[in-house]
C-alpha atoms as a PDB file:
ATOM      1  CA  MET A   1      12.241   6.003  14.378  1.00  0.00           C
ATOM      2  CA  THR A   2      14.641   8.496  12.655  1.00  0.00           C
ATOM      3  CA  ALA A   3      13.662  10.914   9.956  1.00  0.00           C
ATOM      4  CA  MET A   4      15.594   9.200   7.335  1.00  0.00           C
ATOM      5  CA  TYR A   5      14.052   5.933   8.022  1.00  0.00           C
ATOM      6  CA  VAL A   6      10.413   7.359   8.027  1.00  0.00           C
ATOM      7  CA  VAL A   7      11.103   8.912   4.698  1.00  0.00           C
ATOM      8  CA  ASN A   8      12.551   5.770   3.179  1.00  0.00           C
ATOM      9  CA  VAL A   9       9.461   3.729   4.257  1.00  0.00           C
ATOM     10  CA  SER A  10       6.745   6.336   3.674  1.00  0.00           C
ATOM     11  CA  LEU A  11       7.928   7.887   0.410  1.00  0.00           C
ATOM     12  CA  MET A  12       9.536   4.656  -0.975  1.00  0.00           C
ATOM     13  CA  GLY A  13       6.432   2.459  -0.229  1.00  0.00           C
ATOM     14  CA  LEU A  14       3.323   4.240   0.825  1.00  0.00           C
ATOM     15  CA  ALA A  15       3.749   7.079  -1.418  1.00  0.00           C
ATOM     16  CA  LEU A  16       4.229   4.988  -4.351  1.00  0.00           C
ATOM     17  CA  ALA A  17       1.945   4.551  -7.257  1.00  0.00           C
ATOM     18  CA  PHE A  18      -1.072   2.500  -7.384  1.00  0.00           C
ATOM     19  CA  SER A  19      -2.567  -0.460  -9.365  1.00  0.00           C
ATOM     20  CA  PHE A  20      -0.155  -0.837 -12.309  1.00  0.00           C
ATOM     21  CA  THR A  21      -1.948  -2.973 -14.994  1.00  0.00           C
ATOM     22  CA  SER A  22      -1.431  -3.705 -18.643  1.00  0.00           C
ATOM     23  CA  LEU A  23      -2.392  -5.821 -21.662  1.00  0.00           C
ATOM     24  CA  ALA A  24      -1.542  -9.458 -22.447  1.00  0.00           C
ATOM     25  CA  SER A  25       2.065 -10.275 -21.615  1.00  0.00           C
ATOM     26  CA  THR A  26       2.858 -10.912 -25.414  1.00  0.00           C
ATOM     27  CA  ASP A  27       1.935  -7.258 -26.172  1.00  0.00           C
ATOM     28  CA  PRO A  28       4.666  -4.678 -26.116  1.00  0.00           C
ATOM     29  CA  VAL A  29       4.634  -2.115 -23.342  1.00  0.00           C
ATOM     30  CA  MET A  30       3.238   1.280 -24.734  1.00  0.00           C
ATOM     31  CA  SER A  31       5.413   4.286 -24.734  1.00  0.00           C
ATOM     32  CA  GLN A  32       4.741   7.102 -22.154  1.00  0.00           C
ATOM     33  CA  ALA A  33       3.457   9.367 -24.782  1.00  0.00           C
ATOM     34  CA  VAL A  34       0.919   6.758 -25.933  1.00  0.00           C
ATOM     35  CA  VAL A  35      -0.269   6.093 -22.345  1.00  0.00           C
ATOM     36  CA  SER A  36      -0.752   9.792 -21.551  1.00  0.00           C
ATOM     37  CA  LYS A  37      -2.746  10.278 -24.703  1.00  0.00           C
ATOM     38  CA  SER A  38      -4.990   7.392 -24.327  1.00  0.00           C
ATOM     39  CA  ILE A  39      -6.316   8.208 -20.861  1.00  0.00           C
ATOM     40  CA  THR A  40      -6.847  11.946 -20.988  1.00  0.00           C
ATOM     41  CA  SER A  41     -10.766  11.419 -21.626  1.00  0.00           C
ATOM     42  CA  LYS A  42     -11.256   9.919 -18.176  1.00  0.00           C
ATOM     43  CA  SER A  43     -13.473  11.994 -15.745  1.00  0.00           C
ATOM     44  CA  VAL A  44     -12.305  13.118 -12.337  1.00  0.00           C
ATOM     45  CA  THR A  45     -15.839  12.511 -10.990  1.00  0.00           C
ATOM     46  CA  SER A  46     -16.382   8.967 -12.266  1.00  0.00           C
ATOM     47  CA  LYS A  47     -17.815   6.590  -9.554  1.00  0.00           C
ATOM     48  CA  HIS A  48     -18.034   3.421 -11.620  1.00  0.00           C
ATOM     49  CA  ILE A  49     -14.219   2.749 -12.391  1.00  0.00           C
ATOM     50  CA  THR A  50     -12.143   0.308 -10.526  1.00  0.00           C
ATOM     51  CA  SER A  51      -8.480  -0.537 -10.087  1.00  0.00           C
ATOM     52  CA  LYS A  52      -8.956  -4.138 -11.114  1.00  0.00           C
ATOM     53  CA  PRO A  53      -7.228  -5.102 -14.263  1.00  0.00           C
ATOM     54  CA  SER A  54      -9.408  -5.222 -17.406  1.00  0.00           C
ATOM     55  CA  VAL A  55      -7.257  -7.995 -18.778  1.00  0.00           C
ATOM     56  CA  ASP A  56      -5.824 -11.166 -17.292  1.00  0.00           C
ATOM     57  CA  GLN A  57      -2.064 -10.499 -17.716  1.00  0.00           C
ATOM     58  CA  CYS A  58      -0.775  -6.953 -17.388  1.00  0.00           C
ATOM     59  CA  ARG A  59       2.022  -4.736 -16.226  1.00  0.00           C
ATOM     60  CA  ARG A  60       3.003  -1.030 -15.456  1.00  0.00           C
ATOM     61  CA  ASN A  61       6.228   0.650 -14.502  1.00  0.00           C
ATOM     62  CA  GLY A  62       6.864   3.755 -12.713  1.00  0.00           C
ATOM     63  CA  LYS A  63      10.068   5.739 -11.870  1.00  0.00           C
ATOM     64  CA  TYR A  64      10.238   8.452  -9.260  1.00  0.00           C
ATOM     65  CA  ASP A  65      12.852  10.932  -7.930  1.00  0.00           C
ATOM     66  CA  ILE A  66      13.204  11.219  -4.158  1.00  0.00           C
ATOM     67  CA  TYR A  67      13.854  14.696  -2.529  1.00  0.00           C
ATOM     68  CA  LEU A  68      14.639  15.416   1.074  1.00  0.00           C
ATOM     69  CA  SER A  69      14.353  19.218   2.180  1.00  0.00           C
ATOM     70  CA  GLY A  70      14.643  20.032  -1.573  1.00  0.00           C
ATOM     71  CA  ILE A  71      17.804  18.072  -2.380  1.00  0.00           C
ATOM     72  CA  HIS A  72      17.615  15.157  -4.801  1.00  0.00           C
ATOM     73  CA  THR A  73      18.830  12.226  -2.709  1.00  0.00           C
ATOM     74  CA  GLY A  74      17.658   9.102  -4.696  1.00  0.00           C
ATOM     75  CA  THR A  75      15.440   7.303  -7.150  1.00  0.00           C
ATOM     76  CA  MET A  76      12.730   4.718  -6.926  1.00  0.00           C
ATOM     77  CA  ASP A  77      11.367   2.169  -9.481  1.00  0.00           C
ATOM     78  CA  ARG A  78       8.173   0.204  -9.090  1.00  0.00           C
ATOM     79  CA  THR A  79       6.652  -2.613 -11.084  1.00  0.00           C
ATOM     80  CA  GLU A  80       3.391  -4.394 -10.822  1.00  0.00           C
ATOM     81  CA  ILE A  81       2.743  -7.683 -12.840  1.00  0.00           C
ATOM     82  CA  TRP A  82      -0.774  -8.876 -12.643  1.00  0.00           C
ATOM     83  CA  GLN A  83      -2.189 -12.425 -13.304  1.00  0.00           C
ATOM     84  CA  GLY A  84      -6.117 -12.180 -13.027  1.00  0.00           C
ATOM     85  CA  GLN A  85      -7.012 -10.577  -9.771  1.00  0.00           C
ATOM     86  CA  SER A  86      -3.571 -11.145  -8.086  1.00  0.00           C
ATOM     87  CA  ALA A  87      -0.358  -9.332  -8.483  1.00  0.00           C
ATOM     88  CA  VAL A  88       3.341  -9.421  -7.622  1.00  0.00           C
ATOM     89  CA  VAL A  89       4.689  -5.875  -6.830  1.00  0.00           C
ATOM     90  CA  THR A  90       8.344  -5.094  -6.792  1.00  0.00           C
ATOM     91  CA  THR A  91       9.807  -1.785  -5.427  1.00  0.00           C
ATOM     92  CA  LYS A  92      13.350  -0.840  -5.461  1.00  0.00           C
ATOM     93  CA  SER A  93      14.864   2.260  -4.317  1.00  0.00           C
ATOM     94  CA  GLU A  94      18.287   3.882  -3.434  1.00  0.00           C
ATOM     95  CA  ALA A  95      18.826   7.048  -1.446  1.00  0.00           C
ATOM     96  CA  SER A  96      21.623   8.982   0.424  1.00  0.00           C
ATOM     97  CA  ILE A  97      21.744  11.875   2.725  1.00  0.00           C
ATOM     98  CA  LEU A  98      24.755  13.348   4.556  1.00  0.00           C
ATOM     99  CA  GLY A  99      26.808  10.495   3.327  1.00  0.00           C
ATOM    100  CA  ILE A 100      24.438   7.757   4.690  1.00  0.00           C
ATOM    101  CA  GLY A 101      23.259   5.439   1.868  1.00  0.00           C
ATOM    102  CA  THR A 102      20.468   2.897   1.850  1.00  0.00           C
ATOM    103  CA  GLN A 103      18.911   0.433  -0.518  1.00  0.00           C
ATOM    104  CA  TYR A 104      15.187  -0.674  -0.359  1.00  0.00           C
ATOM    105  CA  HIS A 105      13.946  -3.812  -2.089  1.00  0.00           C
ATOM    106  CA  GLN A 106      10.387  -5.239  -1.441  1.00  0.00           C
ATOM    107  CA  THR A 107       8.483  -7.811  -3.317  1.00  0.00           C
ATOM    108  CA  ALA A 108       4.813  -8.288  -2.271  1.00  0.00           C
ATOM    109  CA  THR A 109       2.082 -10.685  -3.436  1.00  0.00           C
ATOM    110  CA  LEU A 110      -1.485  -9.532  -3.158  1.00  0.00           C
ATOM    111  CA  ALA A 111      -5.041 -10.491  -4.374  1.00  0.00           C
ATOM    112  CA  TRP A 112      -8.602  -9.373  -4.567  1.00  0.00           C
ATOM    113  CA  SER A 113     -10.819 -10.691  -1.741  1.00  0.00           C
ATOM    114  CA  ASP A 114     -14.425 -11.311  -2.742  1.00  0.00           C
ATOM    115  CA  ASP A 115     -15.421 -11.580   1.052  1.00  0.00           C
ATOM    116  CA  SER A 116     -14.240  -7.985   1.941  1.00  0.00           C
ATOM    117  CA  ASN A 117     -14.174  -6.556  -1.709  1.00  0.00           C
ATOM    118  CA  GLN A 118     -10.661  -5.111  -1.103  1.00  0.00           C
ATOM    119  CA  TRP A 119      -7.127  -5.812  -2.085  1.00  0.00           C
ATOM    120  CA  LEU A 120      -5.297  -7.848   0.513  1.00  0.00           C
ATOM    121  CA  THR A 121      -1.671  -8.799   0.969  1.00  0.00           C
ATOM    122  CA  ASN A 122      -0.714 -12.399   0.950  1.00  0.00           C
ATOM    123  CA  HIS A 123       2.912 -12.089   1.796  1.00  0.00           C
ATOM    124  CA  PHE A 124       5.921  -9.693   1.398  1.00  0.00           C
ATOM    125  CA  HIS A 125       9.678  -9.759   1.691  1.00  0.00           C
ATOM    126  CA  GLN A 126      11.442  -6.451   2.437  1.00  0.00           C
ATOM    127  CA  LYS A 127      15.158  -6.102   2.473  1.00  0.00           C
ATOM    128  CA  VAL A 128      16.978  -2.879   3.494  1.00  0.00           C
ATOM    129  CA  THR A 129      20.775  -2.505   3.288  1.00  0.00           C
ATOM    130  CA  GLY A 130      23.036   0.139   4.519  1.00  0.00           C
ATOM    131  CA  PHE A 131      20.991   2.555   6.781  1.00  0.00           C
ATOM    132  CA  ARG A 132      18.672   0.588   9.218  1.00  0.00           C
ATOM    133  CA  ALA A 133      19.529  -2.752   7.541  1.00  0.00           C
ATOM    134  CA  ARG A 134      17.037  -5.597   8.017  1.00  0.00           C
ATOM    135  CA  ASP A 135      15.645  -8.686   6.244  1.00  0.00           C
ATOM    136  CA  MET A 136      11.706  -8.814   6.929  1.00  0.00           C
ATOM    137  CA  HIS A 137       9.179 -11.407   5.821  1.00  0.00           C
ATOM    138  CA  ALA A 138       5.521 -11.171   6.601  1.00  0.00           C
ATOM    139  CA  SER A 139       2.532 -13.372   5.842  1.00  0.00           C
ATOM    140  CA  PHE A 140      -1.118 -12.606   6.359  1.00  0.00           C
ATOM    141  CA  SER A 141      -4.165 -14.710   7.308  1.00  0.00           C
ATOM    142  CA  ALA A 142      -7.756 -14.455   8.667  1.00  0.00           C
ATOM    143  CA  ASN A 143      -8.750 -12.252   5.735  1.00  0.00           C
ATOM    144  CA  GLY A 144      -5.845  -9.919   6.409  1.00  0.00           C
ATOM    145  CA  LEU A 145      -6.640  -9.316  10.112  1.00  0.00           C
ATOM    146  CA  GLU A 146      -3.634 -11.454  11.419  1.00  0.00           C
ATOM    147  CA  SER A 147       0.017 -11.327  10.332  1.00  0.00           C
ATOM    148  CA  GLU A 148       3.255 -13.179  11.179  1.00  0.00           C
ATOM    149  CA  VAL A 149       6.414 -11.098  10.864  1.00  0.00           C
ATOM    150  CA  GLU A 150       9.900 -12.439  10.941  1.00  0.00           C
ATOM    151  CA  ILE A 151      12.850  -9.927  11.014  1.00  0.00           C
ATOM    152  CA  ASP A 152      16.338 -11.167  11.101  1.00  0.00           C
ATOM    153  CA  GLY A 153      15.185 -14.434  12.693  1.00  0.00           C
ATOM    154  CA  ASP A 154      12.872 -12.880  15.253  1.00  0.00           C
ATOM    155  CA  LEU A 155       9.131 -13.890  14.966  1.00  0.00           C
ATOM    156  CA  GLU A 156       6.243 -11.712  16.116  1.00  0.00           C
ATOM    157  CA  HIS A 157       2.448 -11.885  15.522  1.00  0.00           C
ATOM    158  CA  TYR A 158      -0.051  -9.019  15.115  1.00  0.00           C
ATOM    159  CA  ARG A 159      -3.809  -8.641  14.869  1.00  0.00           C
ATOM    160  CA  SER A 160      -6.317  -6.007  13.865  1.00  0.00           C
ATOM    161  CA  ASP A 161      -9.852  -6.160  15.151  1.00  0.00           C
ATOM    162  CA  ASP A 162     -11.547  -4.842  12.085  1.00  0.00           C
ATOM    163  CA  ILE A 163      -9.374  -3.238   9.301  1.00  0.00           C
ATOM    164  CA  PRO A 164      -6.965  -5.630   7.286  1.00  0.00           C
ATOM    165  CA  LEU A 165      -3.309  -5.312   7.775  1.00  0.00           C
ATOM    166  CA  ARG A 166      -1.385  -4.577   4.467  1.00  0.00           C
ATOM    167  CA  ASP A 167       2.138  -4.086   3.358  1.00  0.00           C
ATOM    168  CA  VAL A 168       2.856  -0.494   1.956  1.00  0.00           C
ATOM    169  CA  ASP A 169       2.291  -1.500  -1.688  1.00  0.00           C
ATOM    170  CA  THR A 170      -1.040  -3.165  -1.155  1.00  0.00           C
ATOM    171  CA  LEU A 171      -2.116  -0.378   1.042  1.00  0.00           C
ATOM    172  CA  ALA A 172      -1.181   2.067  -1.843  1.00  0.00           C
ATOM    173  CA  ILE A 173      -3.311   0.171  -4.185  1.00  0.00           C
ATOM    174  CA  GLN A 174      -6.305   0.010  -1.853  1.00  0.00           C
ATOM    175  CA  MET A 175      -5.941   3.707  -1.389  1.00  0.00           C
ATOM    176  CA  ARG A 176      -6.219   4.105  -5.171  1.00  0.00           C
ATOM    177  CA  GLU A 177      -9.221   1.709  -5.212  1.00  0.00           C
ATOM    178  CA  PHE A 178     -11.141   3.819  -2.715  1.00  0.00           C
ATOM    179  CA  LEU A 179     -10.257   7.130  -4.543  1.00  0.00           C
ATOM    180  CA  MET A 180     -11.519   5.532  -7.774  1.00  0.00           C
ATOM    181  CA  GLN A 181     -14.749   4.489  -6.036  1.00  0.00           C
ATOM    182  CA  GLY A 182     -15.414   8.097  -4.988  1.00  0.00           C
ATOM    183  CA  ARG A 183     -14.733   7.669  -1.343  1.00  0.00           C
ATOM    184  CA  GLN A 184     -13.944  10.942   0.455  1.00  0.00           C
ATOM    185  CA  GLN A 185     -12.490   9.509   3.550  1.00  0.00           C
ATOM    186  CA  PHE A 186     -11.229   6.102   4.781  1.00  0.00           C
ATOM    187  CA  ARG A 187      -8.989   4.202   7.219  1.00  0.00           C
ATOM    188  CA  LEU A 188      -6.172   1.800   6.408  1.00  0.00           C
ATOM    189  CA  ILE A 189      -3.540   0.069   8.593  1.00  0.00           C
ATOM    190  CA  ARG A 190       0.045  -0.627   7.673  1.00  0.00           C
ATOM    191  CA  GLN A 191       2.092  -3.542   8.854  1.00  0.00           C
ATOM    192  CA  ALA A 192       5.228  -1.978  10.147  1.00  0.00           C
ATOM    193  CA  SER A 193       8.415  -3.828  11.066  1.00  0.00           C
ATOM    194  CA  ASP A 194       7.659  -3.717  14.800  1.00  0.00           C
ATOM    195  CA  ALA A 195       4.086  -2.429  15.010  1.00  0.00           C
ATOM    196  CA  ILE A 196       0.871  -1.987  13.153  1.00  0.00           C
ATOM    197  CA  GLU A 197       0.144   1.713  12.104  1.00  0.00           C
ATOM    198  CA  PRO A 198      -3.349   3.054  11.559  1.00  0.00           C
ATOM    199  CA  TYR A 199      -3.890   5.862   9.211  1.00  0.00           C
ATOM    200  CA  GLN A 200      -6.924   8.183   8.291  1.00  0.00           C
ATOM    201  CA  TYR A 201      -7.205   9.532   4.799  1.00  0.00           C
ATOM    202  CA  TYR A 202      -9.234  12.675   3.580  1.00  0.00           C
ATOM    203  CA  VAL A 203      -9.774  13.315  -0.166  1.00  0.00           C
ATOM    204  CA  LYS A 204      -9.549  17.058  -0.986  1.00  0.00           C
ATOM    205  CA  GLN A 205     -10.843  19.079  -3.911  1.00  0.00           C
ATOM    206  CA  PRO A 206      -8.852  18.620  -7.135  1.00  0.00           C
ATOM    207  CA  ILE A 207      -6.360  21.185  -8.297  1.00  0.00           C
ATOM    208  CA  SER A 208      -4.620  21.991 -11.498  1.00  0.00           C
ATOM    209  CA  LYS A 209      -0.919  21.969 -11.805  1.00  0.00           C
ATOM    210  CA  ASN A 210       1.646  21.950 -14.518  1.00  0.00           C
ATOM    211  CA  ILE A 211       3.786  18.721 -14.281  1.00  0.00           C
ATOM    212  CA  SER A 212       6.704  18.043 -16.492  1.00  0.00           C
ATOM    213  CA  PRO A 213       6.722  16.151 -18.907  1.00  0.00           C
ATOM    214  CA  TRP A 214       3.005  15.686 -19.001  1.00  0.00           C
ATOM    215  CA  GLY A 215       1.835  19.452 -18.862  1.00  0.00           C
ATOM    216  CA  GLU A 216      -1.331  20.679 -17.143  1.00  0.00           C
ATOM    217  CA  LEU A 217      -2.851  17.844 -14.962  1.00  0.00           C
ATOM    218  CA  THR A 218      -5.937  17.626 -12.544  1.00  0.00           C
ATOM    219  CA  LEU A 219      -4.428  16.418  -9.287  1.00  0.00           C
ATOM    220  CA  ILE A 220      -6.608  14.929  -6.587  1.00  0.00           C
ATOM    221  CA  PRO A 221      -4.859  15.452  -3.115  1.00  0.00           C
ATOM    222  CA  VAL A 222      -5.326  12.848  -0.475  1.00  0.00           C
ATOM    223  CA  GLU A 223      -4.127  13.746   3.072  1.00  0.00           C
ATOM    224  CA  GLN A 224      -2.905  11.015   5.373  1.00  0.00           C
ATOM    225  CA  SER A 225      -2.933  11.460   9.098  1.00  0.00           C
ATOM    226  CA  GLY A 226      -1.501   9.134  11.820  1.00  0.00           C
ATOM    227  CA  ALA A 227       2.101   7.968  12.568  1.00  0.00           C
ATOM    228  CA  GLU A 228       3.258   9.929   9.482  1.00  0.00           C
ATOM    229  CA  GLU A 229       1.562  12.832   7.688  1.00  0.00           C
ATOM    230  CA  VAL A 230       1.748  12.529   3.924  1.00  0.00           C
ATOM    231  CA  THR A 231      -0.198  14.273   1.102  1.00  0.00           C
ATOM    232  CA  TYR A 232      -0.668  12.233  -2.065  1.00  0.00           C
ATOM    233  CA  TYR A 233      -1.483  13.674  -5.441  1.00  0.00           C
ATOM    234  CA  PHE A 234      -3.326  11.448  -8.149  1.00  0.00           C
ATOM    235  CA  ALA A 235      -3.858  12.407 -11.746  1.00  0.00           C
ATOM    236  CA  ALA A 236      -7.277  11.493 -13.046  1.00  0.00           C
ATOM    237  CA  GLU A 237      -5.983  11.927 -16.658  1.00  0.00           C
ATOM    238  CA  MET A 238      -3.236   9.390 -16.022  1.00  0.00           C
ATOM    239  CA  ASP A 239      -5.566   6.550 -14.784  1.00  0.00           C
ATOM    240  CA  TYR A 240      -5.392   7.969 -11.241  1.00  0.00           C
ATOM    241  CA  GLN A 241      -1.678   7.164 -10.943  1.00  0.00           C
ATOM    242  CA  LEU A 242       0.344   8.777  -8.203  1.00  0.00           C
ATOM    243  CA  ILE A 243       2.227  11.844  -9.534  1.00  0.00           C
ATOM    244  CA  GLN A 244       3.647  13.304  -6.276  1.00  0.00           C
ATOM    245  CA  ALA A 245       3.648  12.632  -2.561  1.00  0.00           C
ATOM    246  CA  ARG A 246       4.978  15.029   0.107  1.00  0.00           C
ATOM    247  CA  TYR A 247       6.076  13.917   3.633  1.00  0.00           C
ATOM    248  CA  HIS A 248       5.339  16.493   6.158  1.00  0.00           C
ATOM    249  CA  GLY A 249       8.221  15.961   8.774  1.00  0.00           C
ATOM    250  CA  ILE A 250       8.947  18.306  11.637  1.00  0.00           C
ATOM    251  CA  ILE A 251      12.599  18.492  10.634  1.00  0.00           C
ATOM    252  CA  ILE A 252      12.877  17.000   7.257  1.00  0.00           C
ATOM    253  CA  ARG A 253      10.350  17.206   4.477  1.00  0.00           C
ATOM    254  CA  GLY A 254      10.262  14.729   1.782  1.00  0.00           C
ATOM    255  CA  LEU A 255       9.016  14.557  -1.820  1.00  0.00           C
ATOM    256  CA  ILE A 256       8.760  11.821  -4.525  1.00  0.00           C
ATOM    257  CA  GLU A 257       7.809  12.817  -8.003  1.00  0.00           C
ATOM    258  CA  LEU A 258       6.963  10.738 -11.042  1.00  0.00           C
ATOM    259  CA  THR A 259       9.555  11.004 -13.827  1.00  0.00           C
ATOM    260  CA  ASP A 260       8.715   8.180 -16.249  1.00  0.00           C
ATOM    261  CA  TYR A 261       5.683   6.115 -16.739  1.00  0.00           C
ATOM    262  CA  SER A 262       4.971   3.132 -19.108  1.00  0.00           C
ATOM    263  CA  SER A 263       2.030   0.987 -19.419  1.00  0.00           C
ATOM    264  CA  SER A 264       0.218  -1.390 -21.585  1.00  0.00           C
ATOM    265  CA  CYS A 265      -3.042  -1.023 -19.564  1.00  0.00           C
ATOM    266  CA  GLY A 266      -6.412  -1.998 -21.008  1.00  0.00           C
END
């Protein structure tokens, strides 16, 4: 697996933001400034909040810049549209390095499981053009423990003994769920194109950092170890959304950074 591919998957999917929600679909999306102002009173240490939407229909959008070894190489857009306790998540990104370009487009459907009290993937479709091109469909069953993956016409099956398999977007949402519950460490498994990849996560002490255009924010670092090492930074003042994610590669180091955020969250 090449460094460019790892960064595309890890930073365009796993490192993306978490549980985007909003008000009724008839309500206009609030501006970035209104969102930032309305959520500043939330506490970092709250153990009773959850990533479940507080309204039946909701929507959030986030835009990120992508950097590889300090060089701006692309952008990523992510939208979550919620209907009750299920959602459709769409992630689009474009990146280029050394003249090699790629476009990443994924649509995933997910829902809350009352049996496991977690967010689980139902299905996702991922299409990559340019670098490492592929067309991938995956569906999940047995409460997330089994998956069927089709890539360019080839069919494979995967199974986990105890932890549900998830696509990158649902994994990101579940990570945020655990963080908002006050968990200090946890395990998750990602369904990759040709394998299942387990990860261990450790929540670190909050830090203060000045992040443009939002100013001073309290960021909660979450360190991921496993097939890829990534550190995620969530802002408690911004509804625990992902502000930055750093990919710690041996040769190439990656960064995504939130540049625009809009929400009509309740």
